[in-house]
Amino acid sequence: MERAECNRNCWISAAIAGVVVLLFTAGIGDLHWLAGLFLGVVTFVLFGALMVWLVCHERPELFEDGPGLTGTDWQRAAVDRQPETLLVSGSLGPEPFTSGTQMPIVAGTMPSSEPPSVVAPAAVPAAAAKPVPGADDLQRIKGIGPKISDWLNAQGVTRYDQIAAWDAATVADFAQRLGRMGGRIEADDWVGQAKLLAAGGETGHSRRIDKGGAA
């Protein structure tokens, strides 16, 4: 509306200037008033266009022209153009804390400021290896080391007389279960050594073990 009003004022001023030129130039020349009218129209057009370009060119047009747009209407139109997010009444965030605000009291134990004490788990003592009652030292048999001795004990073989009683099928079964170490059963003659040790005899390997040698 502001630009339209500026344009209107400029053209009114240009019309006044054209009338003044018409009055002063109507008696000049042979055409008299016709020449004055022509000069007045030229003055109106040129002066009006120049005034609009110089005065109203940089003025933004805020709103479209409307009939009877008053100051109150202009304010109402400005409010209508505001984003809806700016027109929401009230605070969307939490209400500020004041001295009269009462904090809700929740029943239950209050949290302690001290860090919770960490109770270290009681150390579980390692279970001591319980010797098998009546078990023989199978490592006195050549070819049986600590690992194979433990494995045989886990299979229930703990005495010389048990190995001495193995037949061919039992030897083949244990050889298969031992895998690549199973060939030592026949290579080292576990059954023959076990029979000798079960009868109370000794072998060169058993004497070395008795003296603290490695299996």
N, C-alpha and C. Protein backbone atom coordinates (compact mmCIF):
# COMPACT_ATOMS: atom_id res chain seq x y z
N MET A 1 0.83 -1.20 0.00
CA MET A 1 0.00 0.00 0.00
C MET A 1 0.86 1.24 0.00
N GLU A 2 2.02 1.22 0.65
CA GLU A 2 2.88 2.39 0.76
C GLU A 2 3.41 2.78 -0.61
N ARG A 3 3.79 1.80 -1.43
CA ARG A 3 4.30 2.12 -2.76
C ARG A 3 3.19 2.68 -3.63
N ALA A 4 1.99 2.11 -3.53
CA ALA A 4 0.87 2.62 -4.34
C ALA A 4 0.54 4.06 -3.98
N GLU A 5 0.57 4.36 -2.69
CA GLU A 5 0.30 5.74 -2.27
C GLU A 5 1.38 6.68 -2.76
N CYS A 6 2.63 6.21 -2.75
CA CYS A 6 3.73 7.04 -3.24
C CYS A 6 3.58 7.31 -4.73
N ASN A 7 3.21 6.26 -5.49
CA ASN A 7 3.00 6.45 -6.93
C ASN A 7 1.88 7.45 -7.21
N ARG A 8 0.81 7.32 -6.42
CA ARG A 8 -0.31 8.23 -6.63
C ARG A 8 0.09 9.68 -6.36
N ASN A 9 0.84 9.90 -5.30
CA ASN A 9 1.28 11.26 -4.97
C ASN A 9 2.21 11.82 -6.04
N CYS A 10 3.08 10.93 -6.58
CA CYS A 10 3.99 11.39 -7.63
C CYS A 10 3.24 11.81 -8.88
N TRP A 11 2.24 11.01 -9.27
CA TRP A 11 1.49 11.35 -10.47
C TRP A 11 0.62 12.58 -10.25
N ILE A 12 0.14 12.79 -9.02
CA ILE A 12 -0.61 14.03 -8.73
C ILE A 12 0.31 15.23 -8.87
N SER A 13 1.53 15.11 -8.35
CA SER A 13 2.49 16.21 -8.48
C SER A 13 2.83 16.45 -9.94
N ALA A 14 2.96 15.35 -10.72
CA ALA A 14 3.26 15.51 -12.14
C ALA A 14 2.09 16.18 -12.87
N ALA A 15 0.85 15.85 -12.47
CA ALA A 15 -0.31 16.48 -13.09
C ALA A 15 -0.34 17.98 -12.79
N ILE A 16 0.01 18.32 -11.54
CA ILE A 16 0.04 19.75 -11.20
C ILE A 16 1.11 20.47 -12.02
N ALA A 17 2.27 19.80 -12.18
CA ALA A 17 3.33 20.42 -12.98
C ALA A 17 2.89 20.57 -14.44
N GLY A 18 2.16 19.55 -14.96
CA GLY A 18 1.69 19.65 -16.34
C GLY A 18 0.69 20.78 -16.51
N VAL A 19 -0.18 20.98 -15.52
CA VAL A 19 -1.14 22.09 -15.60
C VAL A 19 -0.42 23.43 -15.58
N VAL A 20 0.60 23.54 -14.72
CA VAL A 20 1.37 24.79 -14.65
C VAL A 20 2.04 25.07 -15.99
N VAL A 21 2.62 24.03 -16.61
CA VAL A 21 3.25 24.22 -17.92
C VAL A 21 2.20 24.61 -18.96
N LEU A 22 1.02 23.99 -18.88
CA LEU A 22 -0.05 24.33 -19.82
C LEU A 22 -0.44 25.80 -19.69
N LEU A 23 -0.55 26.30 -18.47
CA LEU A 23 -0.95 27.69 -18.26
C LEU A 23 0.10 28.67 -18.76
N PHE A 24 1.36 28.32 -18.59
CA PHE A 24 2.42 29.25 -18.97
C PHE A 24 2.75 29.19 -20.46
N THR A 25 2.40 28.10 -21.13
CA THR A 25 2.78 27.95 -22.54
C THR A 25 1.57 27.98 -23.48
N ALA A 26 0.39 28.24 -22.96
CA ALA A 26 -0.79 28.22 -23.83
C ALA A 26 -0.77 29.34 -24.86
N GLY A 27 -0.16 30.49 -24.58
CA GLY A 27 -0.17 31.62 -25.50
C GLY A 27 1.06 31.69 -26.37
N ILE A 28 1.91 30.67 -26.39
CA ILE A 28 3.14 30.71 -27.16
C ILE A 28 2.91 30.00 -28.49
N GLY A 29 3.36 30.64 -29.61
CA GLY A 29 3.30 30.02 -30.93
C GLY A 29 1.93 30.19 -31.57
N ASP A 30 1.82 29.58 -32.75
CA ASP A 30 0.59 29.71 -33.51
C ASP A 30 -0.52 28.80 -32.99
N LEU A 31 -0.14 27.69 -32.35
CA LEU A 31 -1.16 26.74 -31.91
C LEU A 31 -1.81 27.15 -30.61
N HIS A 32 -1.18 28.05 -29.85
CA HIS A 32 -1.71 28.55 -28.59
C HIS A 32 -1.98 27.42 -27.61
N TRP A 33 -3.20 27.20 -27.26
CA TRP A 33 -3.53 26.24 -26.19
C TRP A 33 -3.19 24.80 -26.55
N LEU A 34 -3.22 24.45 -27.87
CA LEU A 34 -2.88 23.09 -28.27
C LEU A 34 -1.42 22.78 -28.00
N ALA A 35 -0.57 23.75 -28.27
CA ALA A 35 0.86 23.56 -27.97
C ALA A 35 1.07 23.47 -26.47
N GLY A 36 0.35 24.32 -25.72
CA GLY A 36 0.48 24.25 -24.26
C GLY A 36 0.00 22.92 -23.70
N LEU A 37 -1.09 22.38 -24.31
CA LEU A 37 -1.59 21.08 -23.85
C LEU A 37 -0.57 19.97 -24.11
N PHE A 38 0.05 20.05 -25.30
CA PHE A 38 1.06 19.03 -25.63
C PHE A 38 2.23 19.07 -24.66
N LEU A 39 2.71 20.28 -24.39
CA LEU A 39 3.83 20.40 -23.46
C LEU A 39 3.42 19.98 -22.04
N GLY A 40 2.16 20.27 -21.68
CA GLY A 40 1.70 19.87 -20.36
C GLY A 40 1.64 18.35 -20.21
N VAL A 41 1.14 17.67 -21.29
CA VAL A 41 1.08 16.20 -21.24
C VAL A 41 2.48 15.60 -21.17
N VAL A 42 3.39 16.16 -22.00
CA VAL A 42 4.78 15.65 -21.97
C VAL A 42 5.38 15.85 -20.59
N THR A 43 5.14 17.04 -20.01
CA THR A 43 5.66 17.30 -18.67
C THR A 43 5.06 16.34 -17.65
N PHE A 44 3.76 16.07 -17.77
CA PHE A 44 3.09 15.15 -16.85
C PHE A 44 3.70 13.74 -16.91
N VAL A 45 3.89 13.26 -18.14
CA VAL A 45 4.40 11.89 -18.30
C VAL A 45 5.85 11.78 -17.83
N LEU A 46 6.69 12.71 -18.33
CA LEU A 46 8.11 12.61 -17.99
C LEU A 46 8.36 12.89 -16.51
N PHE A 47 7.73 13.94 -16.00
CA PHE A 47 7.96 14.30 -14.60
C PHE A 47 7.39 13.23 -13.66
N GLY A 48 6.22 12.68 -14.03
CA GLY A 48 5.63 11.64 -13.18
C GLY A 48 6.48 10.37 -13.15
N ALA A 49 6.94 9.96 -14.35
CA ALA A 49 7.77 8.75 -14.40
C ALA A 49 9.08 8.94 -13.64
N LEU A 50 9.67 10.15 -13.78
CA LEU A 50 10.92 10.42 -13.07
C LEU A 50 10.71 10.43 -11.57
N MET A 51 9.62 11.03 -11.11
CA MET A 51 9.34 11.07 -9.68
C MET A 51 9.09 9.66 -9.12
N VAL A 52 8.34 8.85 -9.87
CA VAL A 52 8.08 7.48 -9.40
C VAL A 52 9.38 6.69 -9.31
N TRP A 53 10.25 6.87 -10.31
CA TRP A 53 11.51 6.10 -10.31
C TRP A 53 12.45 6.55 -9.20
N LEU A 54 12.48 7.88 -8.95
CA LEU A 54 13.41 8.39 -7.94
C LEU A 54 12.88 8.20 -6.52
N VAL A 55 11.59 8.42 -6.33
CA VAL A 55 11.05 8.45 -4.97
C VAL A 55 10.50 7.08 -4.54
N CYS A 56 9.79 6.41 -5.42
CA CYS A 56 9.06 5.20 -5.01
C CYS A 56 9.73 3.91 -5.44
N HIS A 57 10.90 4.01 -6.07
CA HIS A 57 11.52 2.79 -6.60
C HIS A 57 11.97 1.85 -5.48
N GLU A 58 12.52 2.37 -4.38
CA GLU A 58 13.06 1.54 -3.30
C GLU A 58 12.07 1.28 -2.17
N ARG A 59 10.85 1.75 -2.30
CA ARG A 59 9.88 1.55 -1.23
C ARG A 59 9.21 0.19 -1.40
N PRO A 60 9.32 -0.74 -0.42
CA PRO A 60 8.65 -2.05 -0.53
C PRO A 60 7.16 -1.93 -0.34
N GLU A 61 6.44 -2.73 -1.11
CA GLU A 61 4.98 -2.76 -0.98
C GLU A 61 4.61 -3.86 -0.01
N LEU A 62 4.24 -3.46 1.21
CA LEU A 62 4.02 -4.42 2.27
C LEU A 62 2.79 -5.28 2.02
N PHE A 63 1.71 -4.66 1.64
CA PHE A 63 0.47 -5.40 1.47
C PHE A 63 -0.23 -4.91 0.21
N GLU A 64 -1.06 -5.75 -0.33
CA GLU A 64 -1.85 -5.35 -1.49
C GLU A 64 -2.89 -4.32 -1.08
N ASP A 65 -3.20 -3.47 -2.05
CA ASP A 65 -4.19 -2.43 -1.77
C ASP A 65 -5.54 -3.06 -1.51
N GLY A 66 -6.22 -2.51 -0.55
CA GLY A 66 -7.56 -2.97 -0.24
C GLY A 66 -8.42 -1.80 0.16
N PRO A 67 -9.67 -1.87 -0.06
CA PRO A 67 -10.54 -0.74 0.28
C PRO A 67 -10.68 -0.59 1.78
N GLY A 68 -10.50 0.66 2.25
CA GLY A 68 -10.74 0.95 3.66
C GLY A 68 -9.74 0.30 4.59
N LEU A 69 -8.46 0.22 4.22
CA LEU A 69 -7.46 -0.42 5.07
C LEU A 69 -6.95 0.61 6.06
N THR A 70 -7.36 0.50 7.31
CA THR A 70 -6.98 1.44 8.37
C THR A 70 -5.78 0.91 9.13
N GLY A 71 -5.36 1.68 10.16
CA GLY A 71 -4.23 1.25 10.98
C GLY A 71 -4.52 -0.05 11.70
N THR A 72 -5.73 -0.19 12.21
CA THR A 72 -6.10 -1.43 12.89
C THR A 72 -6.10 -2.60 11.93
N ASP A 73 -6.61 -2.37 10.70
CA ASP A 73 -6.60 -3.43 9.70
C ASP A 73 -5.18 -3.82 9.33
N TRP A 74 -4.29 -2.83 9.28
CA TRP A 74 -2.88 -3.13 8.94
C TRP A 74 -2.25 -4.00 10.01
N GLN A 75 -2.53 -3.69 11.29
CA GLN A 75 -1.99 -4.51 12.37
C GLN A 75 -2.55 -5.93 12.32
N ARG A 76 -3.85 -6.04 12.03
CA ARG A 76 -4.46 -7.36 11.95
C ARG A 76 -3.86 -8.16 10.79
N ALA A 77 -3.60 -7.50 9.68
CA ALA A 77 -2.99 -8.19 8.54
C ALA A 77 -1.58 -8.64 8.87
N ALA A 78 -0.85 -7.80 9.63
CA ALA A 78 0.51 -8.18 10.02
C ALA A 78 0.50 -9.40 10.93
N VAL A 79 -0.47 -9.45 11.84
CA VAL A 79 -0.58 -10.62 12.73
C VAL A 79 -0.94 -11.86 11.95
N ASP A 80 -1.83 -11.71 10.95
CA ASP A 80 -2.23 -12.86 10.15
C ASP A 80 -1.07 -13.44 9.35
N ARG A 81 -0.09 -12.60 9.03
CA ARG A 81 1.05 -13.07 8.23
C ARG A 81 2.14 -13.70 9.08
N GLN A 82 2.02 -13.65 10.40
CA GLN A 82 3.03 -14.26 11.27
C GLN A 82 2.93 -15.78 11.19
N PRO A 83 4.06 -16.49 11.30
CA PRO A 83 3.99 -17.97 11.33
C PRO A 83 3.18 -18.46 12.52
N GLU A 84 2.54 -19.59 12.33
CA GLU A 84 1.69 -20.13 13.40
C GLU A 84 2.49 -20.49 14.63
N THR A 85 3.76 -20.82 14.44
CA THR A 85 4.58 -21.21 15.60
C THR A 85 4.82 -20.04 16.54
N LEU A 86 4.73 -18.79 16.01
CA LEU A 86 4.95 -17.63 16.85
C LEU A 86 3.69 -17.21 17.57
N LEU A 87 2.53 -17.74 17.18
CA LEU A 87 1.27 -17.32 17.76
C LEU A 87 0.79 -18.26 18.84
N VAL A 88 1.55 -19.31 19.14
CA VAL A 88 1.13 -20.26 20.17
C VAL A 88 1.33 -19.62 21.53
N SER A 89 0.28 -19.54 22.28
CA SER A 89 0.37 -18.92 23.60
C SER A 89 0.82 -19.93 24.61
N GLY A 90 1.50 -19.44 25.63
CA GLY A 90 1.95 -20.32 26.70
C GLY A 90 3.34 -20.84 26.42
N SER A 91 3.94 -21.41 27.41
CA SER A 91 5.29 -21.95 27.30
C SER A 91 5.21 -23.43 27.01
N LEU A 92 5.99 -23.85 26.03
CA LEU A 92 6.01 -25.25 25.68
C LEU A 92 6.95 -26.05 26.54
N GLY A 93 7.90 -25.40 27.21
CA GLY A 93 8.89 -26.10 28.04
C GLY A 93 8.35 -26.31 29.43
N PRO A 94 9.16 -26.88 30.30
CA PRO A 94 8.73 -27.09 31.69
C PRO A 94 8.56 -25.78 32.43
N GLU A 95 7.63 -25.76 33.36
CA GLU A 95 7.36 -24.55 34.11
C GLU A 95 8.54 -24.19 34.98
N PRO A 96 8.89 -22.90 35.04
CA PRO A 96 10.04 -22.51 35.87
C PRO A 96 9.76 -22.76 37.34
N PHE A 97 10.80 -23.08 38.06
CA PHE A 97 10.68 -23.37 39.49
C PHE A 97 10.65 -22.07 40.27
N THR A 98 9.65 -21.92 41.09
CA THR A 98 9.53 -20.75 41.95
C THR A 98 9.53 -21.19 43.39
N SER A 99 9.58 -20.19 44.28
CA SER A 99 9.63 -20.52 45.70
C SER A 99 8.33 -21.15 46.18
N GLY A 100 7.22 -20.85 45.49
CA GLY A 100 5.94 -21.41 45.91
C GLY A 100 5.63 -22.76 45.30
N THR A 101 6.49 -23.21 44.39
CA THR A 101 6.24 -24.49 43.74
C THR A 101 6.63 -25.62 44.67
N GLN A 102 5.75 -26.59 44.81
CA GLN A 102 6.01 -27.72 45.67
C GLN A 102 6.51 -28.88 44.83
N MET A 103 7.61 -29.43 45.27
CA MET A 103 8.16 -30.59 44.58
C MET A 103 7.40 -31.84 45.00
N PRO A 104 7.05 -32.71 44.06
CA PRO A 104 6.34 -33.95 44.44
C PRO A 104 7.25 -34.86 45.23
N ILE A 105 6.67 -35.47 46.25
CA ILE A 105 7.41 -36.39 47.11
C ILE A 105 7.04 -37.80 46.72
N VAL A 106 8.02 -38.57 46.34
CA VAL A 106 7.81 -39.94 45.92
C VAL A 106 8.19 -40.86 47.07
N ALA A 107 7.25 -41.75 47.43
CA ALA A 107 7.53 -42.66 48.53
C ALA A 107 8.59 -43.65 48.12
N GLY A 108 9.42 -43.99 49.06
CA GLY A 108 10.50 -44.94 48.78
C GLY A 108 11.80 -44.44 49.39
N THR A 109 12.79 -45.21 49.23
CA THR A 109 14.09 -44.85 49.79
C THR A 109 14.73 -43.78 48.94
N MET A 110 15.40 -42.86 49.60
CA MET A 110 16.10 -41.80 48.90
C MET A 110 17.40 -42.35 48.35
N PRO A 111 17.78 -41.93 47.14
CA PRO A 111 19.04 -42.43 46.59
C PRO A 111 20.21 -41.90 47.39
N SER A 112 21.16 -42.74 47.65
CA SER A 112 22.34 -42.35 48.41
C SER A 112 23.37 -41.73 47.49
N SER A 113 24.03 -40.69 48.02
CA SER A 113 25.07 -40.03 47.24
C SER A 113 26.36 -40.83 47.20
N GLU A 114 26.50 -41.78 48.12
CA GLU A 114 27.71 -42.58 48.15
C GLU A 114 27.64 -43.66 47.08
N PRO A 115 28.75 -43.92 46.41
CA PRO A 115 28.73 -44.98 45.39
C PRO A 115 28.48 -46.33 46.02
N PRO A 116 27.76 -47.19 45.37
CA PRO A 116 27.48 -48.52 45.94
C PRO A 116 28.76 -49.30 46.11
N SER A 117 28.82 -49.95 47.24
CA SER A 117 30.02 -50.73 47.53
C SER A 117 30.00 -52.01 46.72
N VAL A 118 31.12 -52.29 46.15
CA VAL A 118 31.25 -53.49 45.32
C VAL A 118 31.81 -54.60 46.18
N VAL A 119 31.04 -55.65 46.31
CA VAL A 119 31.46 -56.79 47.12
C VAL A 119 32.22 -57.75 46.23
N ALA A 120 33.47 -57.92 46.57
CA ALA A 120 34.30 -58.82 45.78
C ALA A 120 33.86 -60.25 46.02
N PRO A 121 33.70 -61.00 44.97
CA PRO A 121 33.29 -62.40 45.15
C PRO A 121 34.36 -63.18 45.89
N ALA A 122 33.89 -64.03 46.75
CA ALA A 122 34.83 -64.83 47.53
C ALA A 122 35.60 -65.75 46.62
N ALA A 123 36.88 -65.79 46.86
CA ALA A 123 37.73 -66.63 46.03
C ALA A 123 37.40 -68.09 46.27
N VAL A 124 37.14 -68.76 45.19
CA VAL A 124 36.81 -70.18 45.28
C VAL A 124 38.11 -70.97 45.22
N PRO A 125 38.46 -71.66 46.25
CA PRO A 125 39.73 -72.40 46.22
C PRO A 125 39.67 -73.49 45.18
N ALA A 126 40.78 -73.62 44.50
CA ALA A 126 40.85 -74.65 43.47
C ALA A 126 40.73 -76.02 44.10
N ALA A 127 39.89 -76.79 43.47
CA ALA A 127 39.68 -78.13 44.02
C ALA A 127 40.95 -78.96 43.87
N ALA A 128 41.40 -79.44 44.96
CA ALA A 128 42.62 -80.25 44.93
C ALA A 128 42.33 -81.59 44.27
N ALA A 129 43.28 -81.99 43.47
CA ALA A 129 43.10 -83.27 42.78
C ALA A 129 43.09 -84.40 43.79
N LYS A 130 41.97 -85.07 43.80
CA LYS A 130 41.83 -86.17 44.77
C LYS A 130 42.41 -87.44 44.17
N PRO A 131 43.34 -88.05 44.84
CA PRO A 131 43.90 -89.29 44.31
C PRO A 131 42.85 -90.40 44.32
N VAL A 132 42.87 -91.18 43.27
CA VAL A 132 41.93 -92.30 43.18
C VAL A 132 42.40 -93.40 44.12
N PRO A 133 41.51 -93.86 45.00
CA PRO A 133 41.92 -94.92 45.93
C PRO A 133 42.41 -96.15 45.18
N GLY A 134 43.57 -96.64 45.57
CA GLY A 134 44.10 -97.86 44.96
C GLY A 134 44.62 -97.67 43.56
N ALA A 135 44.86 -96.40 43.12
CA ALA A 135 45.32 -96.15 41.76
C ALA A 135 46.82 -96.37 41.67
N ASP A 136 47.26 -96.86 40.54
CA ASP A 136 48.69 -97.05 40.26
C ASP A 136 49.21 -95.85 39.47
N ASP A 137 50.53 -95.68 39.50
CA ASP A 137 51.17 -94.62 38.72
C ASP A 137 51.33 -95.14 37.29
N LEU A 138 50.39 -94.77 36.44
CA LEU A 138 50.40 -95.27 35.06
C LEU A 138 51.57 -94.73 34.25
N GLN A 139 52.21 -93.65 34.74
CA GLN A 139 53.34 -93.10 34.00
C GLN A 139 54.57 -94.01 34.09
N ARG A 140 54.54 -95.04 34.95
CA ARG A 140 55.64 -96.01 35.01
C ARG A 140 55.64 -96.92 33.79
N ILE A 141 54.53 -96.88 33.02
CA ILE A 141 54.45 -97.63 31.76
C ILE A 141 55.02 -96.75 30.66
N LYS A 142 55.99 -97.24 29.95
CA LYS A 142 56.61 -96.48 28.87
C LYS A 142 55.58 -96.15 27.80
N GLY A 143 55.54 -94.88 27.40
CA GLY A 143 54.57 -94.42 26.40
C GLY A 143 53.39 -93.69 27.00
N ILE A 144 53.26 -93.72 28.33
CA ILE A 144 52.16 -93.01 28.99
C ILE A 144 52.75 -91.81 29.72
N GLY A 145 52.44 -90.61 29.21
CA GLY A 145 52.87 -89.38 29.86
C GLY A 145 51.79 -88.84 30.77
N PRO A 146 52.01 -87.62 31.31
CA PRO A 146 51.03 -87.04 32.24
C PRO A 146 49.65 -86.86 31.61
N LYS A 147 49.60 -86.37 30.37
CA LYS A 147 48.31 -86.11 29.74
C LYS A 147 47.56 -87.41 29.47
N ILE A 148 48.27 -88.40 28.94
CA ILE A 148 47.60 -89.68 28.67
C ILE A 148 47.18 -90.35 29.97
N SER A 149 48.02 -90.20 31.02
CA SER A 149 47.66 -90.79 32.32
C SER A 149 46.38 -90.17 32.86
N ASP A 150 46.27 -88.83 32.76
CA ASP A 150 45.04 -88.16 33.23
C ASP A 150 43.85 -88.60 32.38
N TRP A 151 44.06 -88.76 31.09
CA TRP A 151 42.95 -89.16 30.22
C TRP A 151 42.49 -90.57 30.56
N LEU A 152 43.44 -91.47 30.80
CA LEU A 152 43.07 -92.84 31.17
C LEU A 152 42.33 -92.87 32.50
N ASN A 153 42.78 -92.05 33.46
CA ASN A 153 42.07 -91.99 34.74
C ASN A 153 40.64 -91.51 34.55
N ALA A 154 40.47 -90.52 33.63
CA ALA A 154 39.12 -90.03 33.36
C ALA A 154 38.26 -91.10 32.71
N GLN A 155 38.88 -92.03 32.01
CA GLN A 155 38.13 -93.13 31.39
C GLN A 155 37.90 -94.29 32.37
N GLY A 156 38.41 -94.14 33.60
CA GLY A 156 38.22 -95.19 34.59
C GLY A 156 39.36 -96.19 34.68
N VAL A 157 40.42 -95.98 33.90
CA VAL A 157 41.58 -96.87 33.92
C VAL A 157 42.60 -96.29 34.89
N THR A 158 42.77 -96.93 36.05
CA THR A 158 43.65 -96.38 37.09
C THR A 158 44.68 -97.41 37.59
N ARG A 159 44.58 -98.67 37.17
CA ARG A 159 45.47 -99.70 37.72
C ARG A 159 46.14 -100.50 36.59
N TYR A 160 47.26 -101.11 36.95
CA TYR A 160 47.99 -101.90 35.98
C TYR A 160 47.19 -103.11 35.52
N ASP A 161 46.50 -103.75 36.46
CA ASP A 161 45.80 -104.98 36.11
C ASP A 161 44.68 -104.72 35.10
N GLN A 162 44.15 -103.46 35.08
CA GLN A 162 43.12 -103.16 34.09
C GLN A 162 43.72 -103.16 32.68
N ILE A 163 44.90 -102.53 32.54
CA ILE A 163 45.54 -102.51 31.22
C ILE A 163 46.03 -103.92 30.86
N ALA A 164 46.49 -104.65 31.87
CA ALA A 164 46.97 -106.02 31.59
C ALA A 164 45.86 -106.91 31.09
N ALA A 165 44.61 -106.57 31.40
CA ALA A 165 43.47 -107.40 30.98
C ALA A 165 42.91 -106.99 29.63
N TRP A 166 43.51 -105.98 28.98
CA TRP A 166 42.98 -105.56 27.68
C TRP A 166 43.18 -106.67 26.65
N ASP A 167 42.14 -106.93 25.86
CA ASP A 167 42.28 -107.84 24.73
C ASP A 167 42.49 -107.01 23.46
N ALA A 168 42.52 -107.68 22.34
CA ALA A 168 42.79 -106.99 21.07
C ALA A 168 41.71 -105.96 20.75
N ALA A 169 40.45 -106.29 21.04
CA ALA A 169 39.36 -105.36 20.75
C ALA A 169 39.45 -104.11 21.62
N THR A 170 39.80 -104.33 22.91
CA THR A 170 39.92 -103.17 23.81
C THR A 170 41.09 -102.30 23.39
N VAL A 171 42.21 -102.94 23.01
CA VAL A 171 43.37 -102.17 22.55
C VAL A 171 43.00 -101.34 21.32
N ALA A 172 42.28 -101.94 20.37
CA ALA A 172 41.87 -101.21 19.17
C ALA A 172 40.93 -100.05 19.51
N ASP A 173 40.04 -100.27 20.48
CA ASP A 173 39.10 -99.21 20.87
C ASP A 173 39.84 -98.02 21.48
N PHE A 174 40.76 -98.29 22.43
CA PHE A 174 41.49 -97.19 23.06
C PHE A 174 42.44 -96.52 22.06
N ALA A 175 43.01 -97.31 21.14
CA ALA A 175 43.88 -96.72 20.13
C ALA A 175 43.12 -95.74 19.25
N GLN A 176 41.88 -96.10 18.91
CA GLN A 176 41.06 -95.20 18.09
C GLN A 176 40.68 -93.95 18.86
N ARG A 177 40.38 -94.09 20.13
CA ARG A 177 39.97 -92.93 20.94
C ARG A 177 41.15 -92.02 21.24
N LEU A 178 42.36 -92.56 21.29
CA LEU A 178 43.53 -91.72 21.53
C LEU A 178 43.99 -91.00 20.27
N GLY A 179 43.52 -91.40 19.14
CA GLY A 179 43.91 -90.74 17.90
C GLY A 179 45.31 -91.13 17.47
N ARG A 180 46.11 -90.11 17.12
CA ARG A 180 47.45 -90.38 16.60
C ARG A 180 48.38 -90.96 17.66
N MET A 181 48.04 -90.81 18.94
CA MET A 181 48.85 -91.40 20.01
C MET A 181 48.45 -92.85 20.29
N GLY A 182 47.39 -93.32 19.65
CA GLY A 182 46.92 -94.67 19.93
C GLY A 182 47.89 -95.77 19.49
N GLY A 183 48.74 -95.46 18.52
CA GLY A 183 49.68 -96.47 18.05
C GLY A 183 50.73 -96.86 19.08
N ARG A 184 50.90 -96.04 20.12
CA ARG A 184 51.91 -96.34 21.14
C ARG A 184 51.47 -97.49 22.05
N ILE A 185 50.19 -97.82 22.03
CA ILE A 185 49.72 -98.93 22.89
C ILE A 185 50.43 -100.23 22.50
N GLU A 186 50.45 -100.50 21.19
CA GLU A 186 51.11 -101.73 20.74
C GLU A 186 52.61 -101.52 20.54
N ALA A 187 53.00 -100.29 20.12
CA ALA A 187 54.43 -100.05 19.89
C ALA A 187 55.23 -100.19 21.18
N ASP A 188 54.71 -99.67 22.28
CA ASP A 188 55.42 -99.75 23.57
C ASP A 188 54.96 -100.94 24.41
N ASP A 189 54.03 -101.74 23.89
CA ASP A 189 53.54 -102.93 24.60
C ASP A 189 53.03 -102.57 26.00
N TRP A 190 51.99 -101.70 26.02
CA TRP A 190 51.43 -101.31 27.32
C TRP A 190 50.91 -102.54 28.08
N VAL A 191 50.30 -103.47 27.36
CA VAL A 191 49.69 -104.62 28.04
C VAL A 191 50.78 -105.47 28.71
N GLY A 192 51.89 -105.72 28.02
CA GLY A 192 52.97 -106.51 28.59
C GLY A 192 53.62 -105.82 29.78
N GLN A 193 53.85 -104.50 29.67
CA GLN A 193 54.42 -103.75 30.79
C GLN A 193 53.48 -103.78 31.99
N ALA A 194 52.17 -103.61 31.72
CA ALA A 194 51.20 -103.58 32.81
C ALA A 194 51.15 -104.92 33.54
N LYS A 195 51.27 -106.04 32.80
CA LYS A 195 51.27 -107.36 33.44
C LYS A 195 52.49 -107.50 34.36
N LEU A 196 53.67 -107.01 33.90
CA LEU A 196 54.87 -107.12 34.70
C LEU A 196 54.79 -106.25 35.95
N LEU A 197 54.30 -105.02 35.79
CA LEU A 197 54.20 -104.11 36.93
C LEU A 197 53.12 -104.57 37.90
N ALA A 198 52.02 -105.15 37.37
CA ALA A 198 50.95 -105.63 38.25
C ALA A 198 51.44 -106.80 39.10
N ALA A 199 52.39 -107.57 38.57
CA ALA A 199 52.93 -108.71 39.33
C ALA A 199 54.03 -108.29 40.30
N GLY A 200 54.33 -106.99 40.36
CA GLY A 200 55.34 -106.48 41.28
C GLY A 200 56.71 -106.37 40.67
N GLY A 201 56.82 -106.61 39.35
CA GLY A 201 58.11 -106.49 38.70
C GLY A 201 58.43 -105.04 38.33
N GLU A 202 59.58 -104.87 37.68
CA GLU A 202 60.04 -103.54 37.28
C GLU A 202 60.54 -103.60 35.84
N THR A 203 60.56 -102.40 35.23
CA THR A 203 61.16 -102.23 33.90
C THR A 203 62.19 -101.11 33.99
N GLY A 204 63.00 -101.01 32.97
CA GLY A 204 63.98 -99.92 32.97
C GLY A 204 63.30 -98.55 33.05
N HIS A 205 62.16 -98.42 32.39
CA HIS A 205 61.43 -97.15 32.41
C HIS A 205 60.85 -96.88 33.79
N SER A 206 60.30 -97.94 34.43
CA SER A 206 59.69 -97.73 35.75
C SER A 206 60.73 -97.35 36.79
N ARG A 207 61.96 -97.93 36.68
CA ARG A 207 63.00 -97.56 37.63
C ARG A 207 63.41 -96.09 37.45
N ARG A 208 63.45 -95.62 36.19
CA ARG A 208 63.80 -94.21 35.96
C ARG A 208 62.73 -93.29 36.52
N ILE A 209 61.47 -93.67 36.39
CA ILE A 209 60.38 -92.86 36.96
C ILE A 209 60.48 -92.86 38.48
N ASP A 210 60.81 -94.01 39.06
CA ASP A 210 60.90 -94.08 40.52
C ASP A 210 62.02 -93.19 41.05
N LYS A 211 63.05 -92.96 40.22
CA LYS A 211 64.16 -92.11 40.65
C LYS A 211 63.90 -90.62 40.36
N GLY A 212 62.71 -90.32 39.87
CA GLY A 212 62.36 -88.91 39.61
C GLY A 212 62.57 -88.48 38.18
N GLY A 213 62.78 -89.40 37.29
CA GLY A 213 62.94 -89.05 35.89
C GLY A 213 61.62 -88.69 35.23
N ALA A 214 61.74 -88.07 34.04
CA ALA A 214 60.54 -87.68 33.30
C ALA A 214 59.95 -88.88 32.60
N ALA A 215 58.62 -88.84 32.45
CA ALA A 215 57.95 -89.96 31.79
C ALA A 215 58.25 -89.94 30.31
